[in-house]
Amino acid sequence: MGETRTESATPPATPAQAAPAGRTAKPRAPRRPRRKRPKARPFLGWGITLALAALALVLMAWADASDKRRIAAVAEQARAPLWWGEADVSWTPLMILVFLIVMVLPDLFGGARWNWRKPLVWPVSRRVVAAASLGAVLVVAGATAWIGRPQGGLGFPESVVWVDGDRMIERRPWSAAALVETSCELLDGSDRTKAPAASYVVTFPDGRWASLLDAQPESYERLERILPIDAALRAAGVPRRAALTHDCLARGGPDLGVTGESLARLLAP
């Protein structure tokens, strides 16, 4: 009879035995369940972002209107029949800030595909970033409105005065002007109709200018007040250049609140 061999069953190696000599295998920590992101969070992020952008636009419009009110107050104090604004406040810093907010804030709420938080090594709080964005918009808008001073001019029958902030900085007679440029043309309106648009700009040799009439509807209310200034410019022999269309002159008078003859006489070269 042949010999029979019996193999003894060996127990499976433990993690400590399976590890190389001198090393002890560490048990793996159980994975934490991934928390689901609330579905409303991306919409909240975009809502906050759009609200901040709208706030920036409102602050810009308010500051521009405030500048016009300041120039109008100076004109009323000086009893000037005409006034106009020249330079608007530069809102480039605020626009750059709004762009950065749009690029960063929605991502923190999971509302964008890009992820700007990966290179950061510190935790970012959504509430802190939202509050900081609001504060930055208010601070930058306030600083821009405070630093930027309204600039414009005042028109008198015999002279023109330029305004910087609340101060009158220079006065010149109309006879010192170098050129008078007038125009009247029909432009496409918001309701797809042609609307008359007239302008009356006086330029001086050093580049300064006086916009007595522009395409803004509120400026047409002062057409009659320009007539004495126009008479002074014509009496001084200031060169003139006009770009007029017959249709604009025919419709411009009644539409702008004056007679057609007055408008044609004012804008004629």
Protein backbone atom coordinates (compact mmCIF):
# COMPACT_ATOMS: atom_id res chain seq x y z
CA MET A 1 0.00 0.00 0.00
CA GLY A 2 1.18 3.51 -0.86
CA GLU A 3 1.79 6.25 1.56
CA THR A 4 -0.88 8.99 1.97
CA ARG A 5 0.16 12.52 2.73
CA THR A 6 -2.02 14.81 4.76
CA GLU A 7 -1.43 18.55 4.33
CA SER A 8 -2.22 20.58 7.34
CA ALA A 9 -4.32 23.71 6.64
CA THR A 10 -2.42 26.89 7.45
CA PRO A 11 -4.34 29.90 8.72
CA PRO A 12 -4.36 33.02 6.46
CA ALA A 13 -1.65 35.53 7.10
CA THR A 14 -2.60 38.46 9.22
CA PRO A 15 -1.96 42.04 7.95
CA ALA A 16 1.02 42.25 10.28
CA GLN A 17 2.46 39.01 8.84
CA ALA A 18 1.77 40.05 5.24
CA ALA A 19 3.61 43.34 5.68
CA PRO A 20 7.31 43.47 4.87
CA ALA A 21 9.74 42.96 7.69
CA GLY A 22 10.18 46.00 9.89
CA ARG A 23 6.88 47.60 8.83
CA THR A 24 3.50 47.42 10.40
CA ALA A 25 0.47 47.87 8.17
CA LYS A 26 -1.96 50.49 9.43
CA PRO A 27 -5.61 49.70 9.19
CA ARG A 28 -7.45 51.92 6.73
CA ALA A 29 -9.81 54.48 8.17
CA PRO A 30 -13.39 54.08 7.07
CA ARG A 31 -14.45 56.49 4.35
CA ARG A 32 -16.69 59.28 5.42
CA PRO A 33 -19.94 59.45 3.56
CA ARG A 34 -19.92 62.32 1.07
CA ARG A 35 -22.43 64.96 2.00
CA LYS A 36 -24.78 65.95 -0.75
CA ARG A 37 -24.69 69.57 -1.83
CA PRO A 38 -27.99 71.38 -1.33
CA LYS A 39 -29.66 71.96 -4.67
CA ALA A 40 -30.50 75.57 -3.81
CA ARG A 41 -26.90 76.55 -2.99
CA PRO A 42 -25.79 77.33 -6.59
CA PHE A 43 -28.87 79.50 -7.11
CA LEU A 44 -28.11 81.30 -3.86
CA GLY A 45 -24.56 82.00 -5.03
CA TRP A 46 -25.68 83.42 -8.34
CA GLY A 47 -28.42 85.41 -6.63
CA ILE A 48 -25.93 87.06 -4.29
CA THR A 49 -23.58 87.75 -7.21
CA LEU A 50 -26.28 89.35 -9.35
CA ALA A 51 -27.50 91.39 -6.38
CA LEU A 52 -24.00 92.77 -5.82
CA ALA A 53 -23.64 93.61 -9.53
CA ALA A 54 -27.02 95.37 -9.51
CA LEU A 55 -26.01 97.29 -6.39
CA ALA A 56 -22.84 98.45 -8.16
CA LEU A 57 -24.87 99.72 -11.13
CA VAL A 58 -27.29 101.54 -8.83
CA LEU A 59 -24.40 103.20 -7.00
CA MET A 60 -22.88 104.29 -10.32
CA ALA A 61 -26.15 105.84 -11.50
CA TRP A 62 -26.64 107.53 -8.14
CA ALA A 63 -23.13 109.02 -8.19
CA ASP A 64 -23.54 110.32 -11.74
CA ALA A 65 -26.88 111.90 -10.86
CA SER A 66 -25.30 113.40 -7.75
CA ASP A 67 -22.57 115.00 -9.87
CA LYS A 68 -25.16 116.57 -12.15
CA ARG A 69 -27.06 117.89 -9.15
CA ARG A 70 -23.87 119.48 -7.82
CA ILE A 71 -23.20 121.25 -11.12
CA ALA A 72 -26.84 122.34 -11.29
CA ALA A 73 -26.53 123.75 -7.77
CA VAL A 74 -23.45 125.76 -8.79
CA ALA A 75 -25.32 127.03 -11.87
CA GLU A 76 -28.30 128.04 -9.77
CA GLN A 77 -26.08 129.86 -7.31
CA ALA A 78 -24.32 131.71 -10.13
CA ARG A 79 -27.65 132.32 -11.92
CA ALA A 80 -26.34 130.77 -15.11
CA PRO A 81 -29.02 130.08 -17.74
CA LEU A 82 -27.10 127.06 -19.11
CA TRP A 83 -24.93 124.31 -17.64
CA TRP A 84 -23.51 121.00 -18.84
CA GLY A 85 -21.31 118.18 -17.63
CA GLU A 86 -18.01 117.27 -19.27
CA ALA A 87 -16.29 114.33 -17.57
CA ASP A 88 -18.04 111.40 -15.93
CA VAL A 89 -16.60 109.56 -12.95
CA SER A 90 -14.33 106.65 -13.89
CA TRP A 91 -15.89 103.41 -12.68
CA THR A 92 -13.14 101.09 -13.93
CA PRO A 93 -12.08 99.98 -10.40
CA LEU A 94 -15.65 99.06 -9.51
CA MET A 95 -16.13 97.16 -12.77
CA ILE A 96 -12.94 95.18 -12.12
CA LEU A 97 -14.20 94.36 -8.62
CA VAL A 98 -17.56 93.17 -9.96
CA PHE A 99 -15.74 90.97 -12.49
CA LEU A 100 -13.69 89.35 -9.73
CA ILE A 101 -16.83 88.75 -7.67
CA VAL A 102 -18.53 87.08 -10.64
CA MET A 103 -15.50 84.83 -11.14
CA VAL A 104 -15.11 83.78 -7.49
CA LEU A 105 -18.39 83.97 -5.58
CA PRO A 106 -20.58 81.60 -7.66
CA ASP A 107 -17.86 78.95 -7.53
CA LEU A 108 -17.85 79.00 -3.74
CA PHE A 109 -21.53 78.09 -3.83
CA GLY A 110 -21.06 75.42 -6.47
CA GLY A 111 -22.73 77.42 -9.22
CA ALA A 112 -19.83 77.42 -11.70
CA ARG A 113 -17.66 74.82 -13.39
CA TRP A 114 -14.37 76.51 -12.58
CA ASN A 115 -12.86 75.97 -9.14
CA TRP A 116 -10.63 78.73 -7.81
CA ARG A 117 -10.35 77.21 -4.33
CA LYS A 118 -7.98 74.39 -5.27
CA PRO A 119 -4.75 76.41 -4.93
CA LEU A 120 -5.87 77.82 -1.58
CA VAL A 121 -4.51 76.19 1.57
CA TRP A 122 -6.89 77.79 4.02
CA PRO A 123 -10.61 77.12 4.34
CA VAL A 124 -12.87 79.66 2.66
CA SER A 125 -16.17 80.61 4.24
CA ARG A 126 -18.98 81.49 1.88
CA ARG A 127 -20.49 83.95 4.32
CA VAL A 128 -17.18 85.71 4.86
CA VAL A 129 -16.55 86.05 1.12
CA ALA A 130 -20.09 87.31 0.48
CA ALA A 131 -19.83 89.87 3.29
CA ALA A 132 -16.36 90.94 2.14
CA SER A 133 -17.66 91.37 -1.43
CA LEU A 134 -20.51 93.57 -0.23
CA GLY A 135 -18.14 95.68 1.84
CA ALA A 136 -15.68 95.99 -1.05
CA VAL A 137 -18.41 97.19 -3.43
CA LEU A 138 -19.56 99.85 -0.97
CA VAL A 139 -16.03 101.01 -0.16
CA VAL A 140 -14.84 101.18 -3.78
CA ALA A 141 -18.02 102.92 -4.96
CA GLY A 142 -17.88 105.42 -2.11
CA ALA A 143 -14.19 106.15 -2.63
CA THR A 144 -14.65 106.60 -6.38
CA ALA A 145 -17.58 108.96 -5.92
CA TRP A 146 -15.70 110.90 -3.23
CA ILE A 147 -12.45 111.24 -5.18
CA GLY A 148 -14.05 111.95 -8.56
CA ARG A 149 -15.22 115.54 -8.79
CA PRO A 150 -17.88 116.70 -11.24
CA GLN A 151 -16.60 118.79 -14.12
CA GLY A 152 -18.67 120.92 -16.43
CA GLY A 153 -19.41 124.42 -17.55
CA LEU A 154 -21.80 127.33 -17.13
CA GLY A 155 -23.06 129.37 -20.05
CA PHE A 156 -23.78 133.07 -19.70
CA PRO A 157 -24.88 135.42 -22.52
CA GLU A 158 -21.43 137.04 -22.66
CA SER A 159 -19.03 134.34 -21.40
CA VAL A 160 -18.47 130.72 -20.44
CA VAL A 161 -17.24 129.45 -17.06
CA TRP A 162 -15.78 126.01 -16.37
CA VAL A 163 -16.47 124.26 -13.08
CA ASP A 164 -14.32 121.72 -11.23
CA GLY A 165 -16.17 120.30 -8.26
CA ASP A 166 -17.89 123.20 -6.56
CA ARG A 167 -15.43 125.83 -7.81
CA MET A 168 -15.39 128.04 -10.88
CA ILE A 169 -11.89 127.67 -12.29
CA GLU A 170 -11.86 129.68 -15.53
CA ARG A 171 -13.93 132.24 -17.44
CA ARG A 172 -13.63 133.17 -21.12
CA PRO A 173 -15.64 135.39 -23.46
CA TRP A 174 -17.47 133.75 -26.33
CA SER A 175 -15.43 135.85 -28.75
CA ALA A 176 -12.36 133.72 -27.83
CA ALA A 177 -13.94 130.60 -29.34
CA ALA A 178 -12.31 128.94 -32.35
CA LEU A 179 -15.20 126.99 -33.90
CA VAL A 180 -18.94 126.42 -33.60
CA GLU A 181 -20.19 122.99 -34.68
CA THR A 182 -23.90 122.32 -35.11
CA SER A 183 -25.80 119.30 -36.35
CA CYS A 184 -29.34 118.07 -36.80
CA GLU A 185 -30.21 114.59 -38.03
CA LEU A 186 -32.85 111.94 -37.59
CA LEU A 187 -31.77 108.98 -35.48
CA ASP A 188 -33.45 105.65 -34.84
CA GLY A 189 -35.48 105.78 -31.65
CA SER A 190 -36.29 102.99 -29.21
CA ASP A 191 -39.66 102.40 -30.89
CA ARG A 192 -38.12 102.07 -34.39
CA THR A 193 -39.12 105.59 -35.36
CA LYS A 194 -36.94 108.44 -36.49
CA ALA A 195 -36.38 111.13 -33.87
CA PRO A 196 -34.58 114.46 -34.36
CA ALA A 197 -31.25 114.90 -32.59
CA ALA A 198 -29.55 118.31 -32.53
CA SER A 199 -26.23 119.46 -31.09
CA TYR A 200 -24.45 122.78 -30.58
CA VAL A 201 -20.81 122.62 -29.46
CA VAL A 202 -18.38 125.52 -29.10
CA THR A 203 -14.66 124.68 -29.23
CA PHE A 204 -11.81 126.89 -27.99
CA PRO A 205 -8.21 126.99 -29.29
CA ASP A 206 -6.75 124.96 -26.41
CA GLY A 207 -9.27 122.14 -26.81
CA ARG A 208 -11.80 123.22 -24.20
CA TRP A 209 -15.37 122.96 -25.32
CA ALA A 210 -18.88 123.95 -24.32
CA SER A 211 -21.76 121.60 -25.13
CA LEU A 212 -24.74 123.94 -25.21
CA LEU A 213 -26.98 121.37 -26.87
CA ASP A 214 -26.63 117.60 -27.11
CA ALA A 215 -28.73 114.58 -27.97
CA GLN A 216 -30.23 114.35 -24.47
CA PRO A 217 -33.92 115.29 -24.35
CA GLU A 218 -33.49 117.48 -21.28
CA SER A 219 -31.06 119.74 -23.14
CA TYR A 220 -33.74 120.74 -25.65
CA GLU A 221 -35.55 122.65 -22.93
CA ARG A 222 -32.84 125.32 -23.12
CA LEU A 223 -32.98 126.03 -26.85
CA GLU A 224 -34.35 129.51 -26.35
CA ARG A 225 -31.58 130.29 -23.84
CA ILE A 226 -28.90 129.58 -26.44
CA LEU A 227 -30.11 132.34 -28.78
CA PRO A 228 -28.29 135.21 -26.96
CA ILE A 229 -25.06 133.17 -26.88
CA ASP A 230 -25.46 132.34 -30.57
CA ALA A 231 -25.89 136.03 -31.33
CA ALA A 232 -22.66 136.84 -29.44
CA LEU A 233 -20.76 134.14 -31.35
CA ARG A 234 -22.04 135.39 -34.71
CA ALA A 235 -21.21 138.97 -33.82
CA ALA A 236 -17.63 137.91 -32.97
CA GLY A 237 -17.27 136.19 -36.34
CA VAL A 238 -16.44 132.75 -34.92
CA PRO A 239 -16.15 130.17 -37.75
CA ARG A 240 -19.03 127.73 -38.00
CA ARG A 241 -19.49 124.23 -39.36
CA ALA A 242 -22.90 122.60 -39.71
CA ALA A 243 -24.19 119.14 -40.60
CA LEU A 244 -27.92 119.57 -41.10
CA THR A 245 -30.62 117.60 -42.86
CA HIS A 246 -33.83 119.11 -44.16
CA ASP A 247 -36.01 116.41 -42.59
CA CYS A 248 -34.50 117.05 -39.16
CA LEU A 249 -35.05 120.80 -39.39
CA ALA A 250 -38.62 120.27 -40.59
CA ARG A 251 -39.50 117.93 -37.72
CA GLY A 252 -37.05 119.16 -35.15
CA GLY A 253 -38.77 122.40 -34.27
CA PRO A 254 -42.16 121.03 -33.17
CA ASP A 255 -40.65 117.86 -31.66
CA LEU A 256 -38.06 119.79 -29.65
CA GLY A 257 -40.48 122.41 -28.36
CA VAL A 258 -39.48 125.37 -30.54
CA THR A 259 -40.51 126.70 -33.89
CA GLY A 260 -38.81 125.35 -36.97
CA GLU A 261 -37.58 128.84 -37.85
CA SER A 262 -35.90 129.25 -34.45
CA LEU A 263 -34.13 125.90 -34.77
CA ALA A 264 -32.98 126.60 -38.33
CA ARG A 265 -31.73 130.06 -37.37
CA LEU A 266 -29.85 128.68 -34.37
CA LEU A 267 -28.12 125.81 -36.18
CA ALA A 268 -27.52 127.50 -39.54
CA PRO A 269 -23.85 128.00 -40.54
